N, C-alpha and C. Protein backbone atom coordinates (compact mmCIF):
# COMPACT_ATOMS: atom_id res chain seq x y z
N MET A 1 -8.12 21.00 -29.55
CA MET A 1 -7.40 21.48 -27.87
C MET A 1 -7.83 20.15 -26.93
N MET A 2 -8.99 19.85 -27.72
CA MET A 2 -9.86 18.86 -26.87
C MET A 2 -8.40 17.36 -26.50
N LYS A 3 -8.07 17.08 -28.19
CA LYS A 3 -7.34 16.26 -28.03
C LYS A 3 -5.73 16.31 -27.11
N LYS A 4 -5.58 17.60 -26.70
CA LYS A 4 -4.21 17.94 -26.04
C LYS A 4 -4.75 17.07 -24.59
N SER A 5 -5.52 17.85 -24.38
CA SER A 5 -6.32 17.91 -22.69
C SER A 5 -6.69 16.19 -22.71
N LEU A 6 -7.08 15.62 -23.44
CA LEU A 6 -7.18 14.05 -23.33
C LEU A 6 -5.67 13.37 -23.00
N VAL A 7 -4.82 13.47 -23.50
CA VAL A 7 -3.86 12.86 -23.83
C VAL A 7 -3.11 13.25 -22.41
N ALA A 8 -3.04 14.16 -22.15
CA ALA A 8 -2.38 15.16 -20.93
C ALA A 8 -3.14 14.14 -19.89
N GLY A 9 -4.15 14.23 -19.63
CA GLY A 9 -4.84 13.30 -18.33
C GLY A 9 -4.59 11.91 -18.67
N LEU A 10 -4.64 11.37 -19.75
CA LEU A 10 -4.00 10.05 -20.09
C LEU A 10 -2.97 9.77 -19.47
N LEU A 11 -1.96 10.62 -19.82
CA LEU A 11 -0.25 10.77 -19.51
C LEU A 11 -0.29 11.15 -17.86
N ALA A 12 -0.93 11.83 -17.11
CA ALA A 12 -1.10 11.75 -16.11
C ALA A 12 -1.45 10.88 -15.34
N MET A 13 -2.78 9.78 -15.53
CA MET A 13 -2.91 9.02 -15.16
C MET A 13 -1.88 7.57 -15.11
N ALA A 14 -1.42 7.81 -15.91
CA ALA A 14 -0.44 6.48 -16.34
C ALA A 14 0.96 7.00 -15.67
N LEU A 15 1.37 7.91 -15.01
CA LEU A 15 2.39 8.32 -14.71
C LEU A 15 2.37 7.83 -13.01
N SER A 16 0.94 8.24 -12.59
CA SER A 16 0.35 8.34 -10.70
C SER A 16 0.55 6.88 -10.81
N GLY A 17 -0.05 5.90 -11.81
CA GLY A 17 -0.07 4.57 -11.43
C GLY A 17 1.63 3.85 -10.84
N GLY A 18 2.17 4.66 -11.59
CA GLY A 18 3.79 3.91 -11.38
C GLY A 18 3.80 4.50 -9.88
N ALA A 19 3.78 5.71 -9.65
CA ALA A 19 4.24 6.55 -8.39
C ALA A 19 3.43 5.72 -7.22
N PHE A 20 2.40 4.86 -7.20
CA PHE A 20 2.03 3.77 -6.38
C PHE A 20 2.50 3.24 -6.57
N ALA A 21 2.83 2.37 -7.92
CA ALA A 21 3.47 1.02 -7.50
C ALA A 21 4.49 1.36 -6.91
N PHE A 22 5.88 2.40 -6.89
CA PHE A 22 6.52 2.05 -6.29
C PHE A 22 6.84 2.59 -4.15
N HIS A 23 5.24 3.42 -4.42
CA HIS A 23 5.32 3.61 -2.67
C HIS A 23 4.94 2.39 -1.96
N CYS A 24 4.24 1.27 -2.30
CA CYS A 24 3.71 0.32 -1.95
C CYS A 24 4.92 -0.32 -1.40
N PRO A 25 6.09 -1.00 -2.23
CA PRO A 25 6.96 -1.47 -1.34
C PRO A 25 7.63 -0.52 -0.07
N ALA A 26 7.35 0.45 0.19
CA ALA A 26 8.23 1.26 0.78
C ALA A 26 6.93 1.03 2.12
N GLU A 27 6.05 0.81 2.20
CA GLU A 27 4.74 1.03 2.67
C GLU A 27 5.10 -0.54 3.55
N MET A 28 4.77 -1.42 2.78
CA MET A 28 5.36 -3.22 3.35
C MET A 28 6.71 -2.87 3.70
N LYS A 29 7.70 -1.87 3.59
CA LYS A 29 8.93 -2.40 4.69
C LYS A 29 8.76 -1.84 5.74
N LYS A 30 7.87 -0.89 5.80
CA LYS A 30 7.72 0.25 7.39
C LYS A 30 6.60 -0.78 8.04
N ILE A 31 6.15 -2.09 7.51
CA ILE A 31 5.15 -2.97 8.42
C ILE A 31 6.02 -4.03 8.62
N ASP A 32 6.86 -4.48 7.84
CA ASP A 32 7.77 -5.35 8.11
C ASP A 32 8.99 -5.02 9.63
N GLU A 33 9.24 -3.83 9.39
CA GLU A 33 10.03 -3.43 10.44
C GLU A 33 9.24 -3.42 11.56
N ALA A 34 8.50 -3.00 11.45
CA ALA A 34 7.66 -2.34 12.85
C ALA A 34 7.11 -4.26 13.47
N LEU A 35 7.00 -5.14 12.81
CA LEU A 35 6.65 -6.46 13.15
C LEU A 35 8.43 -6.82 13.75
N ALA A 36 8.97 -6.80 13.23
CA ALA A 36 10.46 -7.44 13.93
C ALA A 36 10.93 -6.91 15.31
N LYS A 37 9.85 -5.39 15.69
CA LYS A 37 9.76 -5.45 16.96
C LYS A 37 9.44 -6.13 17.94
N ASN A 38 8.66 -6.80 17.58
CA ASN A 38 7.63 -7.71 18.38
C ASN A 38 6.62 -7.02 19.00
N PRO A 39 5.55 -6.13 18.60
CA PRO A 39 4.93 -5.48 18.85
C PRO A 39 3.89 -5.89 19.76
N MET A 40 3.32 -4.91 20.83
CA MET A 40 2.34 -5.39 21.79
C MET A 40 0.81 -5.47 21.01
N LEU A 41 0.42 -6.51 20.72
CA LEU A 41 -0.57 -6.94 19.80
C LEU A 41 -1.38 -7.64 20.58
N ALA A 42 -2.89 -7.91 20.39
CA ALA A 42 -3.78 -9.26 20.75
C ALA A 42 -3.15 -10.17 19.56
N ALA A 43 -3.57 -11.60 19.95
CA ALA A 43 -3.47 -12.52 19.03
C ALA A 43 -4.30 -12.25 17.48
N GLU A 44 -5.27 -11.49 17.62
CA GLU A 44 -6.01 -11.66 16.59
C GLU A 44 -5.63 -9.85 15.56
N GLN A 45 -4.70 -8.91 16.34
CA GLN A 45 -4.73 -7.94 15.55
C GLN A 45 -3.24 -8.31 15.04
N MET A 46 -2.51 -8.92 15.61
CA MET A 46 -1.17 -9.85 14.69
C MET A 46 -1.94 -10.34 13.64
N THR A 47 -2.77 -11.63 13.85
CA THR A 47 -3.05 -12.00 12.39
C THR A 47 -3.72 -11.39 11.16
N GLU A 48 -4.52 -10.18 12.49
CA GLU A 48 -5.00 -9.25 11.24
C GLU A 48 -3.75 -8.30 10.23
N VAL A 49 -3.11 -8.02 11.12
CA VAL A 49 -1.73 -7.28 10.34
C VAL A 49 -1.29 -8.38 9.40
N LYS A 50 -0.96 -8.88 9.85
CA LYS A 50 -0.14 -10.29 8.70
C LYS A 50 -1.12 -10.34 7.33
N GLN A 51 -2.38 -10.41 7.71
CA GLN A 51 -3.50 -11.22 6.42
C GLN A 51 -3.50 -9.72 5.61
N LEU A 52 -3.28 -8.32 6.51
CA LEU A 52 -3.23 -7.12 5.16
C LEU A 52 -2.00 -6.82 4.39
N ARG A 53 -0.79 -6.92 5.68
CA ARG A 53 0.43 -7.15 4.59
C ARG A 53 0.32 -8.02 3.68
N ALA A 54 0.17 -9.09 3.71
CA ALA A 54 0.09 -10.25 2.54
C ALA A 54 -0.73 -9.44 1.44
N GLU A 55 -1.89 -8.90 1.84
CA GLU A 55 -2.99 -8.73 1.32
C GLU A 55 -2.46 -7.58 0.05
N GLY A 56 -1.80 -6.86 0.89
CA GLY A 56 -1.35 -5.50 -0.16
C GLY A 56 -0.01 -5.78 -1.07
N GLU A 57 0.37 -6.76 -0.73
CA GLU A 57 1.29 -7.32 -1.54
C GLU A 57 1.25 -7.88 -2.47
N THR A 58 0.28 -9.15 -2.67
CA THR A 58 -0.94 -9.70 -3.64
C THR A 58 -0.98 -8.58 -4.24
N LEU A 59 -1.69 -7.36 -3.92
CA LEU A 59 -2.51 -6.71 -4.82
C LEU A 59 -1.48 -5.73 -5.52
N HIS A 60 -0.43 -5.41 -4.73
CA HIS A 60 0.18 -4.85 -5.54
C HIS A 60 0.98 -5.80 -6.59
N LYS A 61 1.26 -7.08 -6.71
CA LYS A 61 1.61 -7.51 -7.38
C LYS A 61 0.96 -7.77 -8.79
N ALA A 62 0.11 -7.73 -8.23
CA ALA A 62 -1.46 -7.69 -9.38
C ALA A 62 -1.72 -6.29 -10.49
N GLY A 63 -0.80 -5.38 -9.49
CA GLY A 63 -1.17 -4.06 -10.39
C GLY A 63 -2.05 -3.17 -9.95
N LYS A 64 -2.33 -3.97 -8.95
CA LYS A 64 -3.85 -2.97 -7.92
C LYS A 64 -3.15 -1.95 -6.74
N HIS A 65 -2.82 -1.40 -7.34
CA HIS A 65 -1.63 -0.40 -6.39
C HIS A 65 -2.48 0.31 -5.17
N GLN A 66 -3.73 1.34 -5.86
CA GLN A 66 -4.41 1.93 -4.90
C GLN A 66 -5.25 1.09 -3.73
N GLU A 67 -5.67 -0.31 -4.06
CA GLU A 67 -6.25 -1.21 -3.24
C GLU A 67 -4.82 -1.48 -2.29
N ALA A 68 -3.83 -1.88 -2.88
CA ALA A 68 -2.50 -2.24 -1.75
C ALA A 68 -2.61 -1.06 -0.76
N LEU A 69 -2.39 0.05 -1.42
CA LEU A 69 -1.80 1.05 -0.22
C LEU A 69 -3.05 1.13 0.52
N ASP A 70 -4.45 0.91 0.10
CA ASP A 70 -5.49 0.97 1.11
C ASP A 70 -5.16 -0.30 2.11
N SER A 71 -4.89 -1.41 1.90
CA SER A 71 -4.74 -2.42 2.64
C SER A 71 -3.39 -2.45 3.63
N LEU A 72 -2.07 -1.67 3.20
CA LEU A 72 -1.50 -1.54 3.65
C LEU A 72 -1.39 -0.36 4.96
N GLU A 73 -2.46 0.31 4.78
CA GLU A 73 -2.39 1.51 5.31
C GLU A 73 -3.46 1.33 7.01
N LYS A 74 -4.40 -0.06 6.76
CA LYS A 74 -4.92 -0.73 7.76
C LYS A 74 -4.10 -1.46 8.64
N ALA A 75 -3.41 -1.67 8.20
CA ALA A 75 -2.00 -2.71 8.80
C ALA A 75 -0.95 -1.63 9.59
N LYS A 76 -1.18 -0.71 8.70
CA LYS A 76 -0.14 0.58 9.21
C LYS A 76 -0.60 1.10 10.84
N LYS A 77 -2.43 1.51 10.87
CA LYS A 77 -3.29 1.82 11.47
C LYS A 77 -3.34 0.97 12.75
N ILE A 78 -3.55 -0.06 12.80
CA ILE A 78 -3.53 -1.23 13.71
C ILE A 78 -1.94 -1.58 14.28
N LEU A 79 -0.72 -1.04 13.70
CA LEU A 79 0.62 -0.96 14.29
C LEU A 79 0.51 0.22 14.86
N LYS A 80 -0.28 1.41 14.82
CA LYS A 80 0.30 3.02 15.09
C LYS A 80 1.58 3.50 14.21
N ILE A 81 1.73 2.96 13.10
CA ILE A 81 2.37 3.47 12.08
C ILE A 81 2.10 4.90 11.89
N GLU A 82 2.65 5.86 12.06
CA GLU A 82 2.46 7.41 11.39
C GLU A 82 2.66 7.10 9.54
N THR A 83 1.55 7.84 9.03
CA THR A 83 1.91 7.67 7.75
C THR A 83 2.01 9.15 7.19
């Protein structure tokens, strides 16, 4: 019984990582679309958004999907993109 629970837990974790992986590009696209509209941001905010976006992509490519999503969420908050 314990083996089944362990296998089920590991399988769930493996599958959830994949779900995060597919979510990152969608969030990056939202940020890119908002940036294309030339939002009214202070220069410091624009720099921060671009850094967070780039960091999110780097983390995504490194397989660190939760960290990538955290970075992208910060950028979306500055851009006032609803989650």
